[in-house]
């Protein structure tokens, strides 16, 4: 893509990935980020002296392995710390479920709760693995078009059908998983409530939904599909916090020639004759470009930076219908010491390096927590994922100190400017810490510093509309060729020259990088095609008449009789 000027809006992980790939294709790329640090929600901040906090996203599991390789992120400093075991669920009766050491250990753990479930679990994992092998290739390419307008549109559908054929007799069961509620799937496979509730957290995390909500089966599958550590479903901490990923992406992008500017908030996308021609920064500076790529969510991109006057009415109506609700409270804290969990059914201390599940002892408890949020209140017993990254990464905190990161839900659905959020932050803090003290007596006494981020804070700090971490709900009606909207799922937009590369596009949310990579490769292909046809048009318009004239002259010269 020589001589193509590209400006990428947003320095989150997808923006950095997209910029790096486009620069490697030969484009002249400038990336602008409104904050003074990169990474977006996947960043590390020193909120308190000596403590390096993964303030929003906190673990890495879905990031695409080919991006690690193609952008040489290990060479540029990325280090991953796999979490073994990956899951610890303390129960109110003093028992605990620990998963993620190895197959034999997991089956023995599950058998303590249900022998039937221990027998079923390998088949359940094999079922998910079969679906993952069939569908994973779709993550790394644009979705098939909703319209079959020509041969090029048929190819992705043929490939999708071929992948679906791999499922064989499991095809109907796979559709049930991908389109239905997670609860129906888990009830079909298992009896033990602690096991079902632990697995169900992947189905609802970050979603304003309960395990009974249709489409949560796909979310469960989405979150177990990652293999960034080389082992399916095993997630990792990034050494140095999640900002370590952003640092490696920045180095890779700069090495490819990307110019990166921080503290450069964008005021608007410049539009001329229904085409994006650049951006204007809030300080008035304009950056001209042939291609503008936004890694911001669709609502912020179109409502905030483009403006409705440049968009078709039906597109605006579709945009307004996207579900940006968020159930999330993110709580960050520093600890004077690690907590002591009250566990009575084992001799060894419980493992603290993975995700600690609180408030989810059974599926009904998760349903009640969601129903309370739908009623306008913070869940009485929130669903909590607690991680203690300093168990594996001691450089994040001063000697003897630790970091705790809580991902809690459900927050109620309220306008972002509602004055009641102050009370709700305090209520969420108190209820989360009550669960911690119940499972690990004295936990809250070890907290030295603490912050609570509610949906309005996630929107204000990270530009996430509604505080939604996925850039819009990942329900079945917002996947594949319907993400973010039908007819606009291939990273293009109603404006020529404007593309999306954020989590609001296929294949969706999570720190994956796939949206940024797919968008970059699609832009490169599209611009390559455009340059080819421009050359053809130039030839037809300029060179062909001259060629024809030359031929006429030659023919005329040959037809003229020679003089005697």
Protein backbone atom coordinates (compact mmCIF):
# COMPACT_ATOMS: atom_id res chain seq x y z
CA UNK A 1 0.00 0.00 0.00
CA UNK A 2 2.66 2.59 -0.93
CA UNK A 3 1.87 6.28 -0.45
CA UNK A 4 -1.45 5.58 1.31
CA UNK A 5 -1.94 7.90 4.29
CA UNK A 6 -3.80 6.25 7.19
CA UNK A 7 -4.81 7.73 10.52
CA UNK A 8 -5.93 5.35 13.29
CA UNK A 9 -8.11 6.75 16.07
CA UNK A 10 -7.44 5.17 19.46
CA UNK A 11 -4.41 3.47 20.97
CA UNK A 12 -6.15 0.48 22.50
CA UNK A 13 -4.87 -2.96 21.61
CA UNK A 14 -7.00 -3.23 18.43
CA UNK A 15 -5.90 0.20 17.22
CA UNK A 16 -2.25 -0.68 17.79
CA UNK A 17 -2.62 -4.04 16.04
CA UNK A 18 -4.37 -2.45 13.05
CA UNK A 19 -1.77 0.31 12.77
CA UNK A 20 1.13 -2.16 12.93
CA UNK A 21 -0.30 -4.38 10.20
CA UNK A 22 -1.13 -1.46 7.88
CA UNK A 23 2.37 -0.05 8.29
CA UNK A 24 3.82 -3.46 7.46
CA UNK A 25 1.74 -3.36 4.28
CA UNK A 26 3.53 -0.15 3.31
CA UNK A 27 1.01 2.47 4.38
CA UNK A 28 2.05 5.73 6.03
CA UNK A 29 0.30 5.39 9.39
CA UNK A 30 -0.33 7.87 12.19
CA UNK A 31 -2.07 6.70 15.37
CA UNK A 32 -3.62 9.20 17.78
CA UNK A 33 -4.67 8.44 21.36
CA UNK A 34 -6.58 10.86 23.59
CA UNK A 35 -4.95 9.69 26.84
CA UNK A 36 -1.28 10.08 27.72
CA UNK A 37 -0.74 6.32 27.75
CA UNK A 38 -1.53 3.53 25.30
CA UNK A 39 -3.49 0.32 25.69
CA UNK A 40 -6.99 1.62 26.27
CA UNK A 41 -8.69 -0.71 28.75
CA UNK A 42 -5.61 -3.01 28.56
CA UNK A 43 -3.19 -0.67 30.30
CA UNK A 44 -1.14 -0.50 33.48
CA UNK A 45 -1.35 2.53 35.77
CA UNK A 46 0.47 3.44 38.97
CA UNK A 47 -2.60 4.48 40.92
CA UNK A 48 -0.66 4.50 44.18
CA UNK A 49 3.14 4.87 44.57
CA UNK A 50 4.88 1.59 43.86
CA UNK A 51 1.71 -0.26 42.77
CA UNK A 52 1.28 -1.02 39.07
CA UNK A 53 -2.39 -1.76 38.48
CA UNK A 54 -4.14 -3.39 35.52
CA UNK A 55 -6.91 -0.91 36.03
CA UNK A 56 -9.55 -2.36 33.69
CA UNK A 57 -8.70 -5.60 31.79
CA UNK A 58 -6.65 -7.85 34.06
CA UNK A 59 -5.91 -11.22 32.37
CA UNK A 60 -5.03 -12.35 28.84
CA UNK A 61 -6.46 -15.45 27.22
CA UNK A 62 -8.17 -14.69 23.90
CA UNK A 63 -5.33 -12.87 22.14
CA UNK A 64 -4.73 -14.46 18.76
CA UNK A 65 -1.51 -16.54 18.60
CA UNK A 66 -0.75 -15.52 15.00
CA UNK A 67 -0.62 -11.86 16.06
CA UNK A 68 1.95 -12.76 18.71
CA UNK A 69 4.04 -14.37 15.97
CA UNK A 70 3.45 -11.97 13.07
CA UNK A 71 4.08 -8.82 15.11
CA UNK A 72 6.97 -10.51 16.99
CA UNK A 73 5.61 -9.43 20.37
CA UNK A 74 7.95 -11.65 22.39
CA UNK A 75 10.89 -9.97 20.66
CA UNK A 76 9.39 -6.62 21.65
CA UNK A 77 9.14 -7.55 25.32
CA UNK A 78 5.82 -9.34 25.90
CA UNK A 79 6.06 -11.93 28.68
CA UNK A 80 3.15 -14.11 29.77
CA UNK A 81 2.71 -15.79 33.15
CA UNK A 82 0.31 -18.77 32.74
CA UNK A 83 -1.95 -19.41 35.70
CA UNK A 84 -1.94 -22.99 37.03
CA UNK A 85 -4.44 -23.76 38.43
CA UNK A 86 -6.72 -21.31 36.72
CA UNK A 87 -9.79 -21.41 38.96
CA UNK A 88 -10.56 -21.52 42.70
CA UNK A 89 -14.16 -21.42 43.96
CA UNK A 90 -14.50 -21.29 47.77
CA UNK A 91 -17.99 -22.25 48.97
CA UNK A 92 -19.98 -21.00 51.98
CA UNK A 93 -19.79 -24.43 53.67
CA UNK A 94 -15.96 -24.40 53.68
CA UNK A 95 -15.46 -26.67 50.69
CA UNK A 96 -13.74 -25.49 47.51
CA UNK A 97 -13.54 -26.43 43.84
CA UNK A 98 -10.12 -26.02 42.20
CA UNK A 99 -9.76 -26.45 38.43
CA UNK A 100 -6.97 -26.05 35.91
CA UNK A 101 -3.99 -28.04 37.21
CA UNK A 102 -4.29 -30.96 34.78
CA UNK A 103 -6.88 -33.45 33.56
CA UNK A 104 -6.45 -36.01 36.37
CA UNK A 105 -6.58 -33.37 39.07
CA UNK A 106 -9.67 -31.74 37.60
CA UNK A 107 -11.57 -35.01 37.40
CA UNK A 108 -10.65 -35.88 40.99
CA UNK A 109 -11.81 -32.43 42.13
CA UNK A 110 -15.11 -32.69 40.31
CA UNK A 111 -15.69 -36.24 41.59
CA UNK A 112 -15.67 -34.88 45.13
CA UNK A 113 -18.93 -33.13 44.21
CA UNK A 114 -20.39 -35.52 41.62
CA UNK A 115 -19.07 -38.74 40.13
CA UNK A 116 -21.44 -38.29 37.20
CA UNK A 117 -19.96 -34.86 36.48
CA UNK A 118 -16.43 -36.24 36.62
CA UNK A 119 -17.39 -38.78 33.98
CA UNK A 120 -19.16 -36.15 31.85
CA UNK A 121 -16.49 -33.44 32.08
CA UNK A 122 -14.01 -34.92 29.54
CA UNK A 123 -16.84 -35.32 27.03
CA UNK A 124 -17.96 -31.74 27.67
CA UNK A 125 -14.43 -30.47 27.07
CA UNK A 126 -14.13 -32.57 23.91
CA UNK A 127 -17.45 -31.14 22.69
CA UNK A 128 -16.23 -27.55 23.19
CA UNK A 129 -12.87 -28.37 21.61
CA UNK A 130 -14.59 -29.79 18.54
CA UNK A 131 -16.62 -26.60 18.11
CA UNK A 132 -13.52 -24.48 18.69
CA UNK A 133 -11.54 -26.32 16.00
CA UNK A 134 -14.43 -25.86 13.57
CA UNK A 135 -15.17 -22.21 14.28
CA UNK A 136 -11.85 -20.73 15.34
CA UNK A 137 -10.78 -19.98 11.73
CA UNK A 138 -13.77 -17.61 11.44
CA UNK A 139 -12.17 -15.36 14.05
CA UNK A 140 -9.29 -14.54 11.75
CA UNK A 141 -11.17 -13.35 8.67
CA UNK A 142 -14.02 -10.96 7.89
CA UNK A 143 -17.49 -12.47 8.36
CA UNK A 144 -19.41 -13.71 5.31
CA UNK A 145 -21.61 -11.09 3.69
CA UNK A 146 -25.32 -11.02 4.48
CA UNK A 147 -25.97 -10.63 0.75
CA UNK A 148 -25.07 -13.18 -1.90
CA UNK A 149 -24.45 -10.69 -4.67
CA UNK A 150 -21.67 -12.42 -6.55
CA UNK A 151 -19.06 -15.12 -6.62
CA UNK A 152 -16.84 -13.35 -4.11
CA UNK A 153 -19.72 -13.33 -1.59
CA UNK A 154 -20.22 -17.07 -1.96
CA UNK A 155 -16.66 -18.02 -1.01
CA UNK A 156 -16.92 -17.11 2.71
CA UNK A 157 -20.28 -18.87 2.96
CA UNK A 158 -18.83 -21.96 1.33
CA UNK A 159 -15.95 -21.87 3.79
CA UNK A 160 -18.36 -21.41 6.71
CA UNK A 161 -20.41 -24.38 5.51
CA UNK A 162 -17.24 -26.45 5.22
CA UNK A 163 -16.26 -25.58 8.77
CA UNK A 164 -19.75 -26.35 10.01
CA UNK A 165 -19.60 -29.75 8.32
CA UNK A 166 -16.71 -30.64 10.60
CA UNK A 167 -19.19 -30.76 13.49
CA UNK A 168 -20.96 -33.74 11.95
CA UNK A 169 -23.55 -35.16 14.31
CA UNK A 170 -22.79 -32.43 16.85
CA UNK A 171 -24.07 -29.69 14.53
CA UNK A 172 -27.51 -29.36 16.17
CA UNK A 173 -26.03 -29.50 19.68
CA UNK A 174 -23.52 -26.84 18.65
CA UNK A 175 -26.30 -24.53 17.49
CA UNK A 176 -28.02 -25.07 20.82
CA UNK A 177 -24.84 -23.95 22.57
CA UNK A 178 -24.14 -20.97 20.31
CA UNK A 179 -27.69 -19.59 20.21
CA UNK A 180 -29.25 -20.73 23.47
CA UNK A 181 -28.86 -19.96 27.17
CA UNK A 182 -25.82 -21.27 29.00
CA UNK A 183 -27.97 -22.65 31.80
CA UNK A 184 -29.73 -25.13 29.53
CA UNK A 185 -26.37 -26.41 28.30
CA UNK A 186 -24.85 -26.73 31.78
CA UNK A 187 -27.96 -28.38 33.24
CA UNK A 188 -27.86 -30.90 30.41
CA UNK A 189 -24.25 -31.86 31.11
CA UNK A 190 -23.82 -31.58 34.89
CA UNK A 191 -25.48 -32.05 38.30
CA UNK A 192 -23.10 -30.22 40.65
CA UNK A 193 -24.08 -26.61 41.31
CA UNK A 194 -20.56 -25.43 42.24
CA UNK A 195 -19.23 -26.76 38.93
CA UNK A 196 -22.10 -25.31 36.89
CA UNK A 197 -21.84 -21.92 38.61
CA UNK A 198 -18.07 -21.77 38.12
CA UNK A 199 -18.40 -22.54 34.41
CA UNK A 200 -21.33 -20.13 34.06
CA UNK A 201 -19.21 -17.12 34.96
CA UNK A 202 -17.69 -17.28 31.47
CA UNK A 203 -21.20 -17.05 30.02
CA UNK A 204 -22.21 -13.81 31.73
CA UNK A 205 -18.98 -11.95 32.51
CA UNK A 206 -19.29 -8.40 31.22
CA UNK A 207 -22.83 -9.01 29.90
CA UNK A 208 -26.09 -7.59 31.20
CA UNK A 209 -27.53 -11.10 31.16
CA UNK A 210 -28.11 -14.15 33.34
CA UNK A 211 -27.27 -17.78 32.56
CA UNK A 212 -30.88 -18.18 31.41
CA UNK A 213 -30.56 -15.45 28.77
CA UNK A 214 -30.49 -16.77 25.17
CA UNK A 215 -27.07 -16.22 23.61
CA UNK A 216 -25.07 -16.67 26.81
CA UNK A 217 -24.08 -20.11 25.53
CA UNK A 218 -21.98 -18.38 22.87
CA UNK A 219 -20.35 -16.11 25.45
CA UNK A 220 -19.37 -19.18 27.46
CA UNK A 221 -17.82 -20.71 24.36
CA UNK A 222 -16.18 -17.38 23.38
CA UNK A 223 -14.32 -17.18 26.67
CA UNK A 224 -12.99 -20.75 26.65
CA UNK A 225 -11.75 -20.57 23.05
CA UNK A 226 -8.49 -18.74 23.70
CA UNK A 227 -5.16 -20.53 23.46
CA UNK A 228 -2.65 -17.72 23.97
CA UNK A 229 -0.72 -19.86 26.48
CA UNK A 230 -0.69 -22.87 24.16
CA UNK A 231 -3.38 -24.62 26.22
CA UNK A 232 -7.07 -24.06 25.47
CA UNK A 233 -8.87 -22.09 28.15
CA UNK A 234 -5.76 -21.35 30.26
CA UNK A 235 -5.35 -17.61 30.69
CA UNK A 236 -2.27 -15.68 31.74
CA UNK A 237 -1.15 -12.54 33.49
CA UNK A 238 0.95 -10.18 31.44
CA UNK A 239 4.24 -9.52 33.18
CA UNK A 240 4.20 -5.93 34.36
CA UNK A 241 0.41 -5.76 34.11
CA UNK A 242 -1.80 -5.58 31.02
CA UNK A 243 0.14 -2.52 29.86
CA UNK A 244 2.95 -4.94 28.99
CA UNK A 245 0.88 -5.99 25.98
CA UNK A 246 0.40 -2.36 24.93
CA UNK A 247 4.13 -1.71 25.34
CA UNK A 248 5.05 -4.63 23.07
CA UNK A 249 2.45 -3.59 20.48
CA UNK A 250 3.75 -0.01 20.57
CA UNK A 251 7.34 -1.16 19.96
CA UNK A 252 6.24 -3.42 17.12
CA UNK A 253 4.16 -0.65 15.55
CA UNK A 254 6.96 1.92 15.80
CA UNK A 255 9.41 -0.57 14.31
CA UNK A 256 7.04 -0.90 11.35
CA UNK A 257 7.04 2.88 10.92
CA UNK A 258 3.86 3.94 12.75
CA UNK A 259 3.90 7.48 14.13
CA UNK A 260 2.19 7.48 17.53
CA UNK A 261 0.81 10.55 19.27
CA UNK A 262 -0.63 10.45 22.78
CA UNK A 263 -2.58 13.20 24.58
CA UNK A 264 -4.17 13.92 21.18
CA UNK A 265 -7.97 13.69 21.57
CA UNK A 266 -9.96 13.66 18.34
CA UNK A 267 -12.78 16.18 17.96
CA UNK A 268 -14.23 14.96 14.68
CA UNK A 269 -13.74 12.94 11.53
CA UNK A 270 -13.38 15.28 8.56
CA UNK A 271 -15.92 14.55 5.83
CA UNK A 272 -15.92 15.90 2.30
CA UNK A 273 -18.36 14.76 -0.40
CA UNK A 274 -19.45 11.74 1.68
CA UNK A 275 -15.87 10.58 2.19
CA UNK A 276 -13.68 10.64 5.30
CA UNK A 277 -10.60 12.70 4.46
CA UNK A 278 -8.89 12.98 7.86
CA UNK A 279 -9.45 14.05 11.45
CA UNK A 280 -9.47 17.24 13.50
CA UNK A 281 -7.97 17.19 16.99
CA UNK A 282 -9.52 19.09 19.87
CA UNK A 283 -6.75 21.70 19.67
CA UNK A 284 -7.78 22.50 16.08
CA UNK A 285 -5.01 20.63 14.27
CA UNK A 286 -6.12 18.71 11.20
CA UNK A 287 -4.53 15.51 9.91
CA UNK A 288 -5.36 14.67 6.32
CA UNK A 289 -5.62 11.01 5.32
CA UNK A 290 -6.73 8.71 2.53
CA UNK A 291 -8.06 6.22 5.11
CA UNK A 292 -9.43 6.85 8.61
CA UNK A 293 -9.73 3.85 10.94
CA UNK A 294 -11.52 4.11 14.30
CA UNK A 295 -10.90 1.66 17.11
CA UNK A 296 -13.52 3.45 19.24
CA UNK A 297 -16.90 1.79 19.69
CA UNK A 298 -19.53 2.34 16.98
CA UNK A 299 -21.65 4.76 19.00
CA UNK A 300 -18.75 7.02 19.90
CA UNK A 301 -17.34 6.84 16.38
CA UNK A 302 -20.53 7.78 14.56
CA UNK A 303 -22.43 9.88 17.11
CA UNK A 304 -19.40 11.57 18.63
CA UNK A 305 -16.88 11.92 15.80
CA UNK A 306 -18.82 11.73 12.52
CA UNK A 307 -22.25 13.20 13.26
CA UNK A 308 -25.68 12.01 12.18
CA UNK A 309 -25.90 14.47 9.28
CA UNK A 310 -23.33 12.40 7.38
CA UNK A 311 -25.13 9.09 7.96
CA UNK A 312 -28.19 7.37 6.46
CA UNK A 313 -31.28 7.51 8.65
CA UNK A 314 -31.66 3.72 8.82
CA UNK A 315 -28.03 3.41 9.90
CA UNK A 316 -28.59 5.86 12.77
CA UNK A 317 -31.72 3.98 13.85
CA UNK A 318 -29.76 0.73 13.89
CA UNK A 319 -26.96 2.37 15.85
CA UNK A 320 -29.42 3.58 18.48
CA UNK A 321 -30.70 0.02 18.91
CA UNK A 322 -27.33 -1.50 19.89
CA UNK A 323 -27.30 -2.65 23.51
CA UNK A 324 -24.50 -0.84 25.37
CA UNK A 325 -25.66 -1.73 28.89
CA UNK A 326 -22.94 -2.75 31.32
CA UNK A 327 -23.21 -4.76 34.55
CA UNK A 328 -19.62 -4.12 35.61
CA UNK A 329 -18.01 -2.72 38.70
CA UNK A 330 -14.20 -2.91 38.50
CA UNK A 331 -12.55 -2.58 41.91
CA UNK A 332 -8.80 -2.19 42.39
CA UNK A 333 -7.13 -2.43 45.77
CA UNK A 334 -3.78 -2.75 47.49
CA UNK A 335 -3.27 -5.26 50.32
CA UNK A 336 -0.93 -5.37 53.27
CA UNK A 337 -0.87 -9.19 52.95
CA UNK A 338 -2.50 -11.99 50.99
CA UNK A 339 -5.90 -13.15 52.25
CA UNK A 340 -6.39 -16.42 54.16
CA UNK A 341 -9.33 -18.32 52.70
CA UNK A 342 -11.40 -20.49 55.01
CA UNK A 343 -11.25 -23.91 53.36
CA UNK A 344 -11.95 -27.04 55.40
CA UNK A 345 -11.82 -29.88 52.86
CA UNK A 346 -8.10 -29.93 52.04
CA UNK A 347 -4.79 -29.92 53.89
CA UNK A 348 -2.75 -27.65 51.63
CA UNK A 349 -3.47 -23.92 51.40
CA UNK A 350 -5.74 -23.06 48.46
CA UNK A 351 -4.04 -21.78 45.30
CA UNK A 352 -4.31 -18.03 44.80
CA UNK A 353 -2.66 -17.55 41.40
CA UNK A 354 -5.78 -18.01 39.27
CA UNK A 355 -9.29 -16.56 39.28
CA UNK A 356 -11.11 -16.78 42.61
CA UNK A 357 -14.88 -17.04 42.11
CA UNK A 358 -17.08 -15.52 44.81
CA UNK A 359 -20.85 -15.18 45.11
CA UNK A 360 -21.49 -17.94 42.57
CA UNK A 361 -22.13 -21.10 44.53
CA UNK A 362 -25.09 -22.08 42.32
CA UNK A 363 -26.87 -20.94 39.18
CA UNK A 364 -29.88 -19.65 41.09
CA UNK A 365 -27.59 -17.27 43.01
CA UNK A 366 -26.41 -15.76 39.71
CA UNK A 367 -30.02 -15.48 38.51
CA UNK A 368 -31.02 -13.65 41.70
CA UNK A 369 -28.07 -11.28 41.38
CA UNK A 370 -29.13 -10.41 37.83
CA UNK A 371 -32.80 -9.98 38.76
CA UNK A 372 -31.86 -7.49 41.48
CA UNK A 373 -29.89 -5.42 38.96
CA UNK A 374 -32.83 -5.47 36.56
CA UNK A 375 -34.85 -4.07 39.43
CA UNK A 376 -32.51 -1.07 39.67
CA UNK A 377 -30.28 -2.14 42.56
CA UNK A 378 -26.78 -3.54 43.09
CA UNK A 379 -26.83 -7.31 43.54
CA UNK A 380 -27.02 -8.28 47.20
CA UNK A 381 -24.49 -11.05 46.58
CA UNK A 382 -22.57 -9.93 43.49
CA UNK A 383 -20.89 -12.29 41.07
CA UNK A 384 -17.16 -11.63 41.62
CA UNK A 385 -13.98 -12.64 39.85
CA UNK A 386 -11.04 -11.85 42.15
CA UNK A 387 -7.43 -12.07 41.00
CA UNK A 388 -4.23 -11.51 42.99
CA UNK A 389 -1.61 -10.96 40.25
CA UNK A 390 1.22 -10.33 42.68
CA UNK A 391 1.16 -14.03 43.57
CA UNK A 392 2.95 -14.58 40.23
CA UNK A 393 4.32 -11.12 39.42
CA UNK A 394 6.07 -9.62 42.45
CA UNK A 395 7.29 -6.56 40.52
CA UNK A 396 3.80 -5.06 40.58
CA UNK A 397 3.93 -4.04 44.25
CA UNK A 398 6.45 -3.10 46.95
CA UNK A 399 8.01 -5.84 49.03
CA UNK A 400 5.44 -7.56 51.23
CA UNK A 401 2.47 -5.82 49.59
CA UNK A 402 -0.05 -7.16 47.10
CA UNK A 403 -2.67 -6.12 44.55
CA UNK A 404 -6.28 -7.31 44.38
CA UNK A 405 -8.44 -6.88 41.30
CA UNK A 406 -12.20 -7.47 41.49
CA UNK A 407 -14.46 -7.77 38.46
CA UNK A 408 -17.95 -7.62 39.95
CA UNK A 409 -21.50 -7.58 38.68
CA UNK A 410 -24.34 -6.75 38.53
CA UNK A 411 -24.59 -3.01 38.31
CA UNK A 412 -28.12 -1.77 37.60
CA UNK A 413 -29.21 -0.10 34.39
CA UNK A 414 -29.15 3.65 35.00
CA UNK A 415 -28.32 6.72 32.90
CA UNK A 416 -24.61 7.54 33.00
CA UNK A 417 -25.31 10.96 34.56
CA UNK A 418 -27.63 9.65 37.29
CA UNK A 419 -26.55 11.12 40.67
CA UNK A 420 -27.27 7.79 42.34
CA UNK A 421 -24.03 6.24 41.07
CA UNK A 422 -22.12 7.58 44.08
CA UNK A 423 -24.28 5.57 46.45
CA UNK A 424 -24.14 2.53 44.18
CA UNK A 425 -20.32 2.58 44.10
CA UNK A 426 -20.23 2.48 47.89
CA UNK A 427 -22.86 -0.25 48.01
CA UNK A 428 -20.99 -2.36 45.46
CA UNK A 429 -17.75 -1.94 47.43
CA UNK A 430 -19.40 -2.98 50.70
CA UNK A 431 -21.15 -6.01 49.21
CA UNK A 432 -18.06 -7.25 47.37
CA UNK A 433 -15.93 -6.93 50.49
CA UNK A 434 -18.59 -8.68 52.57
CA UNK A 435 -18.28 -11.68 50.24
CA UNK A 436 -14.50 -11.54 50.58
CA UNK A 437 -14.67 -11.45 54.36
CA UNK A 438 -17.11 -14.36 54.32
CA UNK A 439 -14.69 -16.50 52.30
CA UNK A 440 -11.45 -15.12 53.81
CA UNK A 441 -12.09 -13.63 57.27
CA UNK A 442 -10.23 -10.37 57.80
CA UNK A 443 -9.79 -9.74 54.06
CA UNK A 444 -11.09 -6.17 54.17
CA UNK A 445 -8.81 -5.33 57.10
CA UNK A 446 -5.82 -5.92 54.80
CA UNK A 447 -6.97 -3.36 52.24
CA UNK A 448 -4.90 -0.17 52.28
CA UNK A 449 -6.07 1.64 49.12
CA UNK A 450 -9.14 1.06 46.96
CA UNK A 451 -11.00 2.49 43.97
CA UNK A 452 -14.37 1.55 42.48
CA UNK A 453 -15.04 2.02 38.76
CA UNK A 454 -18.73 1.93 37.84
CA UNK A 455 -20.06 1.98 34.24
CA UNK A 456 -19.94 5.82 34.09
CA UNK A 457 -16.25 5.70 35.05
CA UNK A 458 -15.48 3.09 32.39
CA UNK A 459 -17.20 5.32 29.86
CA UNK A 460 -15.41 8.48 30.97
CA UNK A 461 -11.91 6.99 31.33
CA UNK A 462 -11.85 4.54 28.43
CA UNK A 463 -14.51 5.90 26.08
CA UNK A 464 -16.66 2.75 26.46
CA UNK A 465 -20.23 3.77 25.71
CA UNK A 466 -22.38 2.72 28.65
CA UNK A 467 -19.28 1.19 30.22
CA UNK A 468 -19.75 -1.85 27.96
CA UNK A 469 -16.44 -3.71 27.73
CA UNK A 470 -17.42 -5.45 24.47
CA UNK A 471 -18.27 -2.23 22.53
CA UNK A 472 -21.86 -3.51 22.44
CA UNK A 473 -23.63 -6.69 23.50
CA UNK A 474 -22.42 -9.98 22.01
CA UNK A 475 -25.87 -11.48 21.66
CA UNK A 476 -26.67 -13.70 18.64
CA UNK A 477 -28.22 -10.75 16.77
CA UNK A 478 -24.89 -8.87 17.04
CA UNK A 479 -22.42 -11.46 15.79
CA UNK A 480 -20.80 -12.31 12.45
CA UNK A 481 -22.37 -10.35 9.56
CA UNK A 482 -24.64 -8.50 12.02
CA UNK A 483 -21.83 -6.91 14.05
CA UNK A 484 -22.12 -4.02 14.59
CA UNK A 485 -25.04 -3.76 12.14
CA UNK A 486 -26.33 -5.82 9.23
CA UNK A 487 -24.83 -4.58 5.94
CA UNK A 488 -21.90 -3.00 7.81
CA UNK A 489 -20.03 -5.97 9.26
CA UNK A 490 -16.90 -5.99 7.09
CA UNK A 491 -15.18 -3.10 8.91
CA UNK A 492 -16.57 -0.62 6.36
CA UNK A 493 -18.99 2.20 7.14
CA UNK A 494 -21.49 4.35 5.19
CA UNK A 495 -18.64 6.83 4.62
CA UNK A 496 -16.06 5.95 1.99
CA UNK A 497 -12.60 5.97 3.51
CA UNK A 498 -13.82 5.34 7.08
CA UNK A 499 -13.36 1.93 8.69
CA UNK A 500 -13.86 0.39 12.15
CA UNK A 501 -11.35 -1.90 13.85
CA UNK A 502 -12.58 -2.06 17.46
CA UNK A 503 -14.41 -4.70 19.48
CA UNK A 504 -17.72 -3.51 18.05
CA UNK A 505 -16.79 -5.40 14.87
CA UNK A 506 -16.41 -9.12 14.18
CA UNK A 507 -15.38 -11.23 16.08
CA UNK A 508 -16.19 -9.08 19.11
CA UNK A 509 -14.96 -8.23 22.56
CA UNK A 510 -12.14 -9.34 24.78
CA UNK A 511 -8.44 -8.60 24.41
CA UNK A 512 -8.16 -10.57 21.16
CA UNK A 513 -6.55 -8.30 18.58
CA UNK A 514 -8.53 -10.12 15.87
CA UNK A 515 -10.69 -7.08 15.07
CA UNK A 516 -7.63 -4.92 14.46
CA UNK A 517 -5.85 -7.54 12.36
CA UNK A 518 -8.91 -8.43 10.27
CA UNK A 519 -9.68 -4.78 9.62
CA UNK A 520 -6.12 -4.02 8.54
CA UNK A 521 -6.00 -6.94 6.12
CA UNK A 522 -9.40 -6.04 4.69
CA UNK A 523 -8.38 -2.39 4.26
CA UNK A 524 -5.17 -3.46 2.53
CA UNK A 525 -7.09 -5.73 0.16
CA UNK A 526 -9.72 -3.09 -0.53
CA UNK A 527 -7.23 -0.35 -1.16
CA UNK A 528 -5.18 -2.68 -3.36
CA UNK A 529 -8.28 -3.37 -5.46
CA UNK A 530 -9.08 0.35 -5.60
CA UNK A 531 -5.55 1.20 -6.74
CA UNK A 532 -5.73 -1.51 -9.42
CA UNK A 533 -8.98 -0.19 -10.86
CA UNK A 534 -7.70 3.37 -10.63
CA UNK A 535 -4.76 2.33 -12.78
CA UNK A 536 -7.14 0.65 -15.23
CA UNK A 537 -9.31 3.77 -15.38
CA UNK A 538 -6.26 5.98 -15.85
CA UNK A 539 -5.08 3.75 -18.68
CA UNK A 540 -8.47 3.82 -20.34
CA UNK A 541 -8.79 7.57 -19.92
CA UNK A 542 -5.25 8.67 -20.80
CA UNK A 543 -3.11 5.95 -22.32
CA UNK A 544 -5.67 4.15 -24.45
CA UNK A 545 -6.56 7.16 -26.68
CA UNK A 546 -2.89 7.82 -27.33
CA UNK A 547 -2.31 4.15 -28.12
CA UNK A 548 -5.27 4.04 -30.51
CA UNK A 549 -4.08 7.21 -32.22
CA UNK A 550 -0.64 5.69 -32.66
CA UNK A 551 -2.16 2.55 -34.17
CA UNK A 552 -4.28 4.64 -36.58
CA UNK A 553 -1.22 6.56 -37.69
CA UNK A 554 0.68 3.35 -38.32
CA UNK A 555 -2.20 1.82 -40.28
CA UNK A 556 -2.63 5.03 -42.26
CA UNK A 557 1.08 5.12 -43.04
CA UNK A 558 0.99 1.55 -44.33
CA UNK A 559 -2.08 2.21 -46.47
CA UNK A 560 -0.56 5.26 -48.26
CA UNK A 561 0.83 4.26 -51.74
CA UNK A 562 4.51 4.83 -52.27
CA UNK A 563 5.44 7.43 -54.95
CA UNK A 564 7.18 6.12 -58.09
